[in-house]
Amino acid sequence: MRVSVQSDPFDLGREVADFATARADMGAIVTFTGVVRDLPDDPLEVMEIEHYPGMTEAALTEMTARAVERFALGDALVIHRHGKLKPGEMIMMVATAAPHRKDAFEAAEFLMDYLKSRAPFWKREITAQGSTWVAAKDEDEEALDRWS
């Protein structure tokens, strides 16, 4: 299990290849990559992602460990970036490995729902018109509720 909170870009291909080849005893590898999305009405110049070092890593590590236990994973990887990111840049990735696909898919969804609604990151969208903090969305909270 590995969790990384970093400002530097990551090499998606290398991360997935390293993750997938590390566990030959797993029958399913699921990955998800989040990308900075441009805004439809007011083009995004940059998304600024803030966090509290130490606290964020601990929270993500705890949730990832819960996913490993809950879904009987053989391995899990969470990478989340912080700092200023432009549209099209990768924000995060989740990878899960399990003996069977159902657990790998469900664990990846569980982790993504957590990252979207509970992970201690604060996101601000900066456009030519100014900046706005990204608010929590009801659908993100509802998605997390299904894991209760």
C-alpha atoms as a PDB file:
ATOM      1  CA  MET A   1       0.000   0.000   0.000  1.00  0.00           C
ATOM      2  CA  ARG A   2       1.314   3.432  -0.915  1.00  0.00           C
ATOM      3  CA  VAL A   3      -0.081   6.938  -0.492  1.00  0.00           C
ATOM      4  CA  SER A   4       1.626   9.988  -1.946  1.00  0.00           C
ATOM      5  CA  VAL A   5       0.620  13.637  -1.645  1.00  0.00           C
ATOM      6  CA  GLN A   6       2.881  15.590  -3.971  1.00  0.00           C
ATOM      7  CA  SER A   7       3.196  18.752  -6.028  1.00  0.00           C
ATOM      8  CA  ASP A   8       5.143  17.126  -8.852  1.00  0.00           C
ATOM      9  CA  PRO A   9       3.407  15.466 -11.802  1.00  0.00           C
ATOM     10  CA  PHE A  10       3.431  11.678 -11.859  1.00  0.00           C
ATOM     11  CA  ASP A  11       4.079   9.334 -14.738  1.00  0.00           C
ATOM     12  CA  LEU A  12       0.786   7.494 -15.086  1.00  0.00           C
ATOM     13  CA  GLY A  13       2.163   4.761 -17.323  1.00  0.00           C
ATOM     14  CA  ARG A  14       5.083   4.027 -15.018  1.00  0.00           C
ATOM     15  CA  GLU A  15       2.904   4.083 -11.886  1.00  0.00           C
ATOM     16  CA  VAL A  16       0.354   1.691 -13.384  1.00  0.00           C
ATOM     17  CA  ALA A  17       3.021  -0.639 -14.793  1.00  0.00           C
ATOM     18  CA  ASP A  18       4.922  -0.769 -11.490  1.00  0.00           C
ATOM     19  CA  PHE A  19       1.716  -1.344  -9.541  1.00  0.00           C
ATOM     20  CA  ALA A  20       0.393  -4.036 -11.880  1.00  0.00           C
ATOM     21  CA  THR A  21       3.600  -6.045 -12.028  1.00  0.00           C
ATOM     22  CA  ALA A  22       4.254  -5.990  -8.274  1.00  0.00           C
ATOM     23  CA  ARG A  23       1.528  -8.525  -7.460  1.00  0.00           C
ATOM     24  CA  ALA A  24       1.369 -11.497  -9.817  1.00  0.00           C
ATOM     25  CA  ASP A  25      -1.025 -13.183  -7.376  1.00  0.00           C
ATOM     26  CA  MET A  26      -3.784 -10.645  -8.082  1.00  0.00           C
ATOM     27  CA  GLY A  27      -6.311 -11.283 -10.849  1.00  0.00           C
ATOM     28  CA  ALA A  28      -7.660  -7.723 -11.138  1.00  0.00           C
ATOM     29  CA  ILE A  29      -6.076  -4.287 -11.316  1.00  0.00           C
ATOM     30  CA  VAL A  30      -8.349  -1.233 -11.473  1.00  0.00           C
ATOM     31  CA  THR A  31      -7.070   2.297 -12.000  1.00  0.00           C
ATOM     32  CA  PHE A  32      -8.703   5.710 -12.102  1.00  0.00           C
ATOM     33  CA  THR A  33      -7.088   9.027 -12.963  1.00  0.00           C
ATOM     34  CA  GLY A  34      -8.598  12.407 -12.160  1.00  0.00           C
ATOM     35  CA  VAL A  35      -7.814  15.311 -14.495  1.00  0.00           C
ATOM     36  CA  VAL A  36      -8.317  19.064 -14.053  1.00  0.00           C
ATOM     37  CA  ARG A  37     -11.448  19.883 -16.021  1.00  0.00           C
ATOM     38  CA  ASP A  38     -11.884  23.231 -17.774  1.00  0.00           C
ATOM     39  CA  LEU A  39     -14.972  25.291 -16.969  1.00  0.00           C
ATOM     40  CA  PRO A  40     -17.605  25.665 -19.696  1.00  0.00           C
ATOM     41  CA  ASP A  41     -18.530  29.352 -19.252  1.00  0.00           C
ATOM     42  CA  ASP A  42     -15.375  30.930 -17.822  1.00  0.00           C
ATOM     43  CA  PRO A  43     -12.146  29.173 -18.904  1.00  0.00           C
ATOM     44  CA  LEU A  44     -10.094  27.902 -16.003  1.00  0.00           C
ATOM     45  CA  GLU A  45      -6.608  29.383 -15.777  1.00  0.00           C
ATOM     46  CA  VAL A  46      -5.530  27.222 -12.864  1.00  0.00           C
ATOM     47  CA  MET A  47      -6.901  25.104 -10.037  1.00  0.00           C
ATOM     48  CA  GLU A  48      -5.082  25.630  -6.782  1.00  0.00           C
ATOM     49  CA  ILE A  49      -5.171  22.702  -4.359  1.00  0.00           C
ATOM     50  CA  GLU A  50      -4.187  23.282  -0.738  1.00  0.00           C
ATOM     51  CA  HIS A  51      -3.695  20.816   2.116  1.00  0.00           C
ATOM     52  CA  TYR A  52      -2.132  20.470   5.564  1.00  0.00           C
ATOM     53  CA  PRO A  53       1.061  18.396   5.246  1.00  0.00           C
ATOM     54  CA  GLY A  54       1.098  15.464   7.618  1.00  0.00           C
ATOM     55  CA  MET A  55      -2.627  15.585   8.328  1.00  0.00           C
ATOM     56  CA  THR A  56      -3.558  14.917   4.709  1.00  0.00           C
ATOM     57  CA  GLU A  57      -1.173  11.983   4.301  1.00  0.00           C
ATOM     58  CA  ALA A  58      -2.391  10.455   7.571  1.00  0.00           C
ATOM     59  CA  ALA A  59      -6.057  10.777   6.537  1.00  0.00           C
ATOM     60  CA  LEU A  60      -5.448   9.257   3.100  1.00  0.00           C
ATOM     61  CA  THR A  61      -3.337   6.453   4.573  1.00  0.00           C
ATOM     62  CA  GLU A  62      -6.066   5.601   7.081  1.00  0.00           C
ATOM     63  CA  MET A  63      -8.782   5.506   4.400  1.00  0.00           C
ATOM     64  CA  THR A  64      -6.620   3.459   2.045  1.00  0.00           C
ATOM     65  CA  ALA A  65      -5.913   0.949   4.825  1.00  0.00           C
ATOM     66  CA  ARG A  66      -9.668   0.712   5.452  1.00  0.00           C
ATOM     67  CA  ALA A  67     -10.224  -0.030   1.762  1.00  0.00           C
ATOM     68  CA  VAL A  68      -7.515  -2.713   1.778  1.00  0.00           C
ATOM     69  CA  GLU A  69      -9.170  -4.427   4.733  1.00  0.00           C
ATOM     70  CA  ARG A  70     -12.798  -3.957   3.664  1.00  0.00           C
ATOM     71  CA  PHE A  71     -12.307  -5.247   0.125  1.00  0.00           C
ATOM     72  CA  ALA A  72      -9.558  -7.812   0.820  1.00  0.00           C
ATOM     73  CA  LEU A  73      -7.152  -6.013  -1.492  1.00  0.00           C
ATOM     74  CA  GLY A  74      -3.693  -7.278  -2.213  1.00  0.00           C
ATOM     75  CA  ASP A  75      -2.484  -3.722  -2.780  1.00  0.00           C
ATOM     76  CA  ALA A  76      -3.633  -0.130  -3.179  1.00  0.00           C
ATOM     77  CA  LEU A  77      -2.085   3.086  -4.448  1.00  0.00           C
ATOM     78  CA  VAL A  78      -3.326   6.654  -4.020  1.00  0.00           C
ATOM     79  CA  ILE A  79      -1.501   9.639  -5.493  1.00  0.00           C
ATOM     80  CA  HIS A  80      -2.943  13.139  -5.074  1.00  0.00           C
ATOM     81  CA  ARG A  81      -1.302  16.346  -6.189  1.00  0.00           C
ATOM     82  CA  HIS A  82      -1.434  19.789  -4.636  1.00  0.00           C
ATOM     83  CA  GLY A  83      -0.387  23.225  -5.834  1.00  0.00           C
ATOM     84  CA  LYS A  84      -1.367  24.989  -9.037  1.00  0.00           C
ATOM     85  CA  LEU A  85      -2.613  22.739 -11.840  1.00  0.00           C
ATOM     86  CA  LYS A  86      -3.806  23.676 -15.316  1.00  0.00           C
ATOM     87  CA  PRO A  87      -6.711  22.137 -17.262  1.00  0.00           C
ATOM     88  CA  GLY A  88      -5.718  18.747 -18.613  1.00  0.00           C
ATOM     89  CA  GLU A  89      -3.174  18.019 -15.865  1.00  0.00           C
ATOM     90  CA  MET A  90      -3.611  14.918 -13.721  1.00  0.00           C
ATOM     91  CA  ILE A  91      -4.740  15.643 -10.168  1.00  0.00           C
ATOM     92  CA  MET A  92      -4.835  12.147  -8.737  1.00  0.00           C
ATOM     93  CA  MET A  93      -4.872   8.438  -9.340  1.00  0.00           C
ATOM     94  CA  VAL A  94      -6.176   5.412  -7.508  1.00  0.00           C
ATOM     95  CA  ALA A  95      -5.102   1.847  -8.207  1.00  0.00           C
ATOM     96  CA  THR A  96      -6.428  -1.263  -6.522  1.00  0.00           C
ATOM     97  CA  ALA A  97      -5.389  -4.897  -6.823  1.00  0.00           C
ATOM     98  CA  ALA A  98      -7.560  -7.811  -5.748  1.00  0.00           C
ATOM     99  CA  PRO A  99      -7.905 -11.489  -6.546  1.00  0.00           C
ATOM    100  CA  HIS A 100     -11.219 -10.728  -8.321  1.00  0.00           C
ATOM    101  CA  ARG A 101     -12.521  -7.722 -10.275  1.00  0.00           C
ATOM    102  CA  LYS A 102     -15.558  -6.928  -8.105  1.00  0.00           C
ATOM    103  CA  ASP A 103     -13.439  -6.101  -5.058  1.00  0.00           C
ATOM    104  CA  ALA A 104     -10.939  -4.125  -7.135  1.00  0.00           C
ATOM    105  CA  PHE A 105     -13.693  -2.019  -8.762  1.00  0.00           C
ATOM    106  CA  GLU A 106     -15.600  -1.439  -5.532  1.00  0.00           C
ATOM    107  CA  ALA A 107     -12.458  -0.500  -3.615  1.00  0.00           C
ATOM    108  CA  ALA A 108     -11.465   1.992  -6.313  1.00  0.00           C
ATOM    109  CA  GLU A 109     -14.938   3.570  -6.210  1.00  0.00           C
ATOM    110  CA  PHE A 110     -14.840   3.653  -2.411  1.00  0.00           C
ATOM    111  CA  LEU A 111     -11.504   5.473  -2.459  1.00  0.00           C
ATOM    112  CA  MET A 112     -12.581   7.889  -5.200  1.00  0.00           C
ATOM    113  CA  ASP A 113     -15.793   8.756  -3.325  1.00  0.00           C
ATOM    114  CA  TYR A 114     -13.748   9.417  -0.189  1.00  0.00           C
ATOM    115  CA  LEU A 115     -11.204  11.550  -2.056  1.00  0.00           C
ATOM    116  CA  LYS A 116     -13.953  13.614  -3.676  1.00  0.00           C
ATOM    117  CA  SER A 117     -15.911  14.354  -0.501  1.00  0.00           C
ATOM    118  CA  ARG A 118     -13.821  13.826   2.634  1.00  0.00           C
ATOM    119  CA  ALA A 119     -10.123  14.055   1.852  1.00  0.00           C
ATOM    120  CA  PRO A 120      -8.631  17.174   3.470  1.00  0.00           C
ATOM    121  CA  PHE A 121      -7.923  19.179   0.324  1.00  0.00           C
ATOM    122  CA  TRP A 122      -9.211  22.636  -0.510  1.00  0.00           C
ATOM    123  CA  LYS A 123      -9.627  23.544  -4.168  1.00  0.00           C
ATOM    124  CA  ARG A 124      -9.868  26.997  -5.661  1.00  0.00           C
ATOM    125  CA  GLU A 125     -10.708  27.656  -9.301  1.00  0.00           C
ATOM    126  CA  ILE A 126      -8.973  30.696 -10.744  1.00  0.00           C
ATOM    127  CA  THR A 127     -10.322  32.283 -13.939  1.00  0.00           C
ATOM    128  CA  ALA A 128      -9.982  35.671 -15.642  1.00  0.00           C
ATOM    129  CA  GLN A 129     -13.086  36.712 -13.659  1.00  0.00           C
ATOM    130  CA  GLY A 130     -11.535  35.896 -10.263  1.00  0.00           C
ATOM    131  CA  SER A 131     -11.326  32.932  -7.947  1.00  0.00           C
ATOM    132  CA  THR A 132     -13.882  30.667  -6.300  1.00  0.00           C
ATOM    133  CA  TRP A 133     -13.472  27.945  -3.703  1.00  0.00           C
ATOM    134  CA  VAL A 134     -14.960  24.652  -4.872  1.00  0.00           C
ATOM    135  CA  ALA A 135     -17.905  23.725  -2.646  1.00  0.00           C
ATOM    136  CA  ALA A 136     -18.935  20.219  -1.686  1.00  0.00           C
ATOM    137  CA  LYS A 137     -21.666  18.774  -3.895  1.00  0.00           C
ATOM    138  CA  ASP A 138     -24.698  16.867  -2.655  1.00  0.00           C
ATOM    139  CA  GLU A 139     -24.118  14.062  -5.180  1.00  0.00           C
ATOM    140  CA  ASP A 140     -20.595  13.526  -3.809  1.00  0.00           C
ATOM    141  CA  GLU A 141     -21.968  13.159  -0.287  1.00  0.00           C
ATOM    142  CA  GLU A 142     -24.673  10.782  -1.520  1.00  0.00           C
ATOM    143  CA  ALA A 143     -22.056   8.675  -3.287  1.00  0.00           C
ATOM    144  CA  LEU A 144     -20.105   8.339  -0.043  1.00  0.00           C
ATOM    145  CA  ASP A 145     -23.262   7.404   1.903  1.00  0.00           C
ATOM    146  CA  ARG A 146     -23.599   4.143  -0.006  1.00  0.00           C
ATOM    147  CA  TRP A 147     -20.488   2.838   1.769  1.00  0.00           C
ATOM    148  CA  SER A 148     -21.929   3.323   5.280  1.00  0.00           C
END
